[in-house]
N, C-alpha and C. Protein backbone atom coordinates (compact mmCIF):
# COMPACT_ATOMS: atom_id res chain seq x y z
N MET A 1 -40.56 22.91 -0.04
CA MET A 1 -39.60 23.80 0.68
C MET A 1 -38.89 24.21 -0.48
N ILE A 2 -38.68 25.69 -0.21
CA ILE A 2 -38.10 26.46 -1.32
C ILE A 2 -36.53 26.61 -0.95
N GLU A 3 -35.50 26.17 -1.93
CA GLU A 3 -34.13 26.06 -1.76
C GLU A 3 -33.58 27.39 -2.31
N PRO A 4 -32.87 27.80 -1.37
CA PRO A 4 -31.86 28.83 -2.26
C PRO A 4 -31.41 28.60 -3.61
N THR A 5 -31.11 29.55 -4.43
CA THR A 5 -30.39 29.08 -5.82
C THR A 5 -29.01 28.42 -5.56
N GLY A 6 -28.18 28.77 -4.78
CA GLY A 6 -26.88 28.43 -4.87
C GLY A 6 -26.87 26.95 -3.99
N ALA A 7 -27.88 26.51 -3.45
CA ALA A 7 -27.92 25.32 -2.81
C ALA A 7 -27.92 24.06 -3.65
N SER A 8 -28.54 24.06 -4.71
CA SER A 8 -28.80 22.81 -5.93
C SER A 8 -27.38 22.80 -6.51
N THR A 9 -26.68 24.06 -6.81
CA THR A 9 -25.39 24.06 -7.84
C THR A 9 -24.42 23.28 -6.66
N ALA A 10 -24.45 23.72 -5.25
CA ALA A 10 -23.24 23.20 -4.38
C ALA A 10 -23.49 21.91 -4.39
N ARG A 11 -24.87 21.12 -4.51
CA ARG A 11 -24.88 19.63 -4.44
C ARG A 11 -24.53 19.04 -5.71
N THR A 12 -24.51 19.64 -6.73
CA THR A 12 -24.09 19.10 -8.09
C THR A 12 -22.61 19.09 -8.03
N ALA A 13 -22.20 20.19 -7.81
CA ALA A 13 -20.51 20.24 -7.73
C ALA A 13 -19.97 19.35 -6.50
N GLY A 14 -20.47 18.94 -5.81
CA GLY A 14 -20.10 18.15 -4.57
C GLY A 14 -20.26 16.61 -5.28
N HIS A 15 -21.13 16.40 -6.18
CA HIS A 15 -21.54 15.06 -6.83
C HIS A 15 -20.36 14.84 -7.55
N GLY A 16 -20.04 15.76 -8.51
CA GLY A 16 -19.01 15.58 -9.49
C GLY A 16 -17.62 15.48 -8.92
N ARG A 17 -17.26 16.31 -7.35
CA ARG A 17 -16.01 15.70 -7.01
C ARG A 17 -15.82 14.42 -6.46
N GLY A 18 -16.92 14.13 -6.18
CA GLY A 18 -16.99 12.48 -5.55
C GLY A 18 -16.68 11.44 -6.80
N LEU A 19 -17.24 11.60 -7.92
CA LEU A 19 -17.03 10.90 -9.22
C LEU A 19 -15.75 11.01 -9.56
N GLU A 20 -15.28 12.29 -9.52
CA GLU A 20 -13.58 12.55 -9.76
C GLU A 20 -12.74 11.62 -8.94
N ALA A 21 -13.03 11.79 -7.70
CA ALA A 21 -12.19 11.27 -6.68
C ALA A 21 -12.17 9.42 -7.10
N LEU A 22 -13.49 9.30 -7.11
CA LEU A 22 -13.56 7.74 -7.47
C LEU A 22 -12.62 7.31 -8.66
N LEU A 23 -12.79 8.29 -9.74
CA LEU A 23 -12.09 7.82 -10.80
C LEU A 23 -10.58 7.79 -10.69
N VAL A 24 -10.22 8.85 -9.90
CA VAL A 24 -8.79 8.66 -9.51
C VAL A 24 -8.32 7.61 -8.84
N PHE A 25 -9.09 7.13 -7.74
CA PHE A 25 -8.78 6.02 -7.08
C PHE A 25 -8.60 4.76 -7.95
N VAL A 26 -9.55 4.70 -8.67
CA VAL A 26 -9.71 3.66 -9.61
C VAL A 26 -8.23 3.45 -10.45
N ILE A 27 -8.07 4.64 -11.04
CA ILE A 27 -6.74 4.53 -12.00
C ILE A 27 -5.56 4.27 -11.00
N VAL A 28 -5.37 4.84 -9.85
CA VAL A 28 -4.34 4.40 -9.08
C VAL A 28 -4.16 3.05 -8.66
N LEU A 29 -5.49 2.71 -8.20
CA LEU A 29 -5.48 1.27 -7.76
C LEU A 29 -4.95 0.28 -8.92
N GLY A 30 -5.63 0.50 -10.27
CA GLY A 30 -5.13 -0.25 -11.27
C GLY A 30 -3.80 -0.13 -11.83
N ALA A 31 -3.09 1.35 -11.70
CA ALA A 31 -1.47 1.28 -11.84
C ALA A 31 -0.89 0.45 -10.74
N CYS A 32 -1.18 0.61 -9.37
CA CYS A 32 -0.72 -0.09 -8.47
C CYS A 32 -0.54 -1.83 -8.78
N LEU A 33 -1.95 -2.17 -8.83
CA LEU A 33 -2.19 -3.84 -8.81
C LEU A 33 -1.75 -4.41 -10.14
N TRP A 34 -1.48 -3.61 -11.41
CA TRP A 34 -1.39 -4.16 -12.72
C TRP A 34 -0.57 -5.08 -12.94
N ARG A 35 0.77 -5.33 -12.27
CA ARG A 35 1.30 -6.43 -12.45
C ARG A 35 1.56 -7.58 -11.18
N LEU A 36 0.69 -7.18 -10.30
CA LEU A 36 0.94 -7.64 -8.92
C LEU A 36 0.76 -9.37 -9.16
N GLY A 37 1.61 -9.99 -8.67
CA GLY A 37 1.73 -11.49 -8.95
C GLY A 37 2.39 -11.90 -10.21
N GLY A 38 2.53 -11.08 -11.26
CA GLY A 38 3.16 -11.19 -12.47
C GLY A 38 4.13 -12.03 -12.75
N GLY A 39 5.22 -12.04 -11.56
CA GLY A 39 6.47 -12.84 -12.11
C GLY A 39 6.72 -13.25 -10.50
N PRO A 40 7.90 -14.31 -10.99
CA PRO A 40 8.30 -14.81 -9.61
C PRO A 40 9.29 -13.84 -8.71
N LEU A 41 9.42 -14.24 -7.64
CA LEU A 41 10.32 -13.33 -6.67
C LEU A 41 11.70 -13.46 -7.16
N ALA A 42 12.50 -12.66 -7.00
CA ALA A 42 13.99 -12.68 -7.53
C ALA A 42 15.22 -12.38 -6.33
N GLY A 43 16.21 -13.22 -6.52
CA GLY A 43 17.12 -12.92 -5.42
C GLY A 43 16.64 -13.34 -3.97
N THR A 44 16.52 -12.25 -3.17
CA THR A 44 16.34 -12.52 -1.48
C THR A 44 15.09 -12.00 -1.23
N GLU A 45 14.41 -11.71 -2.18
CA GLU A 45 12.65 -11.11 -2.06
C GLU A 45 11.98 -12.24 -1.22
N ALA A 46 12.14 -13.42 -1.58
CA ALA A 46 11.33 -14.53 -1.00
C ALA A 46 11.74 -14.18 0.61
N HIS A 47 12.80 -14.07 1.03
CA HIS A 47 12.91 -13.93 2.36
C HIS A 47 12.23 -12.84 3.05
N ARG A 48 12.22 -11.70 2.27
CA ARG A 48 11.34 -10.50 2.95
C ARG A 48 9.79 -11.01 3.07
N ALA A 49 9.41 -11.84 2.14
CA ALA A 49 7.96 -12.20 2.13
C ALA A 49 7.88 -13.20 3.19
N ILE A 50 8.68 -13.86 3.63
CA ILE A 50 8.43 -15.07 4.46
C ILE A 50 8.44 -14.24 5.88
N GLY A 51 9.54 -13.22 6.11
CA GLY A 51 9.44 -12.40 7.22
C GLY A 51 8.24 -11.65 7.36
N ALA A 52 7.85 -11.15 6.30
CA ALA A 52 6.41 -10.27 6.61
C ALA A 52 5.13 -11.34 6.76
N HIS A 53 5.17 -12.34 6.42
CA HIS A 53 4.15 -13.40 6.55
C HIS A 53 4.39 -13.84 8.23
N GLN A 54 5.35 -14.09 8.46
CA GLN A 54 5.80 -14.55 9.93
C GLN A 54 5.14 -13.11 10.73
N MET A 55 5.44 -12.23 10.76
CA MET A 55 5.08 -10.85 11.35
C MET A 55 3.84 -10.79 11.36
N ALA A 56 3.09 -10.70 10.38
CA ALA A 56 1.51 -10.93 10.17
C ALA A 56 1.02 -11.87 11.07
N GLU A 57 1.54 -13.20 11.23
CA GLU A 57 0.97 -14.16 12.10
C GLU A 57 1.20 -13.84 13.53
N SER A 58 2.40 -13.45 13.70
CA SER A 58 2.82 -13.36 15.20
C SER A 58 2.48 -12.22 15.93
N GLY A 59 2.18 -11.11 14.94
CA GLY A 59 2.01 -9.80 15.77
C GLY A 59 3.12 -9.17 16.31
N GLN A 60 4.55 -9.66 15.90
CA GLN A 60 5.54 -9.12 16.47
C GLN A 60 6.08 -8.10 15.14
N TRP A 61 5.97 -6.90 15.33
CA TRP A 61 6.22 -5.87 14.34
C TRP A 61 7.28 -5.10 14.25
N LEU A 62 8.15 -5.14 15.60
CA LEU A 62 9.35 -4.59 15.62
C LEU A 62 10.57 -5.09 15.04
N VAL A 63 10.79 -6.34 15.36
CA VAL A 63 11.94 -6.95 14.92
C VAL A 63 11.40 -8.14 14.08
N PRO A 64 11.93 -7.92 12.64
CA PRO A 64 11.51 -9.27 11.90
C PRO A 64 12.45 -10.44 11.99
N GLN A 65 11.57 -11.56 11.93
CA GLN A 65 11.97 -12.79 12.10
C GLN A 65 12.01 -13.69 10.92
N LEU A 66 13.18 -14.31 10.91
CA LEU A 66 13.14 -15.17 9.69
C LEU A 66 13.22 -16.75 10.19
N TRP A 67 12.28 -17.70 10.01
CA TRP A 67 12.48 -18.69 10.52
C TRP A 67 12.54 -18.83 12.04
N ASP A 68 11.78 -18.10 12.75
CA ASP A 68 12.09 -17.91 14.32
C ASP A 68 13.21 -17.42 14.72
N GLN A 69 13.97 -16.44 13.97
CA GLN A 69 15.21 -16.15 14.56
C GLN A 69 15.35 -14.62 14.09
N PRO A 70 15.91 -13.96 14.83
CA PRO A 70 15.53 -12.36 14.67
C PRO A 70 16.44 -12.20 13.42
N THR A 71 16.02 -11.33 12.58
CA THR A 71 17.27 -11.01 11.53
C THR A 71 17.15 -9.38 11.49
N THR A 72 18.08 -8.79 11.50
CA THR A 72 18.27 -7.33 11.03
C THR A 72 18.90 -7.05 10.06
N ARG A 73 19.30 -7.94 9.26
CA ARG A 73 20.01 -7.61 7.79
C ARG A 73 19.17 -6.94 6.96
N ARG A 74 19.81 -5.91 6.23
CA ARG A 74 19.32 -4.96 5.08
C ARG A 74 19.48 -5.81 3.87
N SER A 75 18.74 -5.59 3.05
CA SER A 75 18.95 -6.21 1.62
C SER A 75 20.00 -5.02 1.08
N ASN A 76 20.67 -5.54 -0.06
CA ASN A 76 21.67 -4.76 -0.70
C ASN A 76 21.37 -3.61 -1.61
N GLY A 77 20.15 -3.41 -1.74
CA GLY A 77 19.62 -2.50 -2.55
C GLY A 77 18.92 -1.38 -1.49
N SER A 78 18.99 -1.55 -0.34
CA SER A 78 18.42 -0.91 0.52
C SER A 78 18.87 0.93 0.69
N CYS A 79 18.15 1.66 1.13
CA CYS A 79 18.61 2.89 1.39
C CYS A 79 18.87 3.20 2.76
N GLY A 80 19.64 4.17 3.54
CA GLY A 80 19.93 4.38 4.60
C GLY A 80 21.36 3.88 5.03
N PRO A 81 21.66 4.23 6.23
CA PRO A 81 22.98 3.53 6.67
C PRO A 81 23.16 2.06 6.59
N SER A 82 24.25 1.82 6.53
CA SER A 82 24.46 0.36 6.45
C SER A 82 24.40 -0.40 8.16
N TRP A 83 24.79 0.54 8.99
CA TRP A 83 24.81 0.03 10.51
C TRP A 83 23.35 -0.39 10.87
N ALA A 84 22.31 0.26 10.15
CA ALA A 84 20.82 0.10 10.90
C ALA A 84 20.64 -1.21 10.68
């Protein structure tokens, strides 16, 4: 089968983009996971982790719970209104 001249060039350019996208993905993944698990949780971070674990187990995603009690308190460093 005879292919037009531009068809093989288009295939090669698409292959290069896929490799570039894969390289960017690997770099971003490495940057995000570089220090994952590197240190202990500080302050009240453990409360957030416990709440997230319980939310994942129960499937209740709207109101976080801490030791089976609904909790709506925000951490001190959070952004947004303090009444939320």
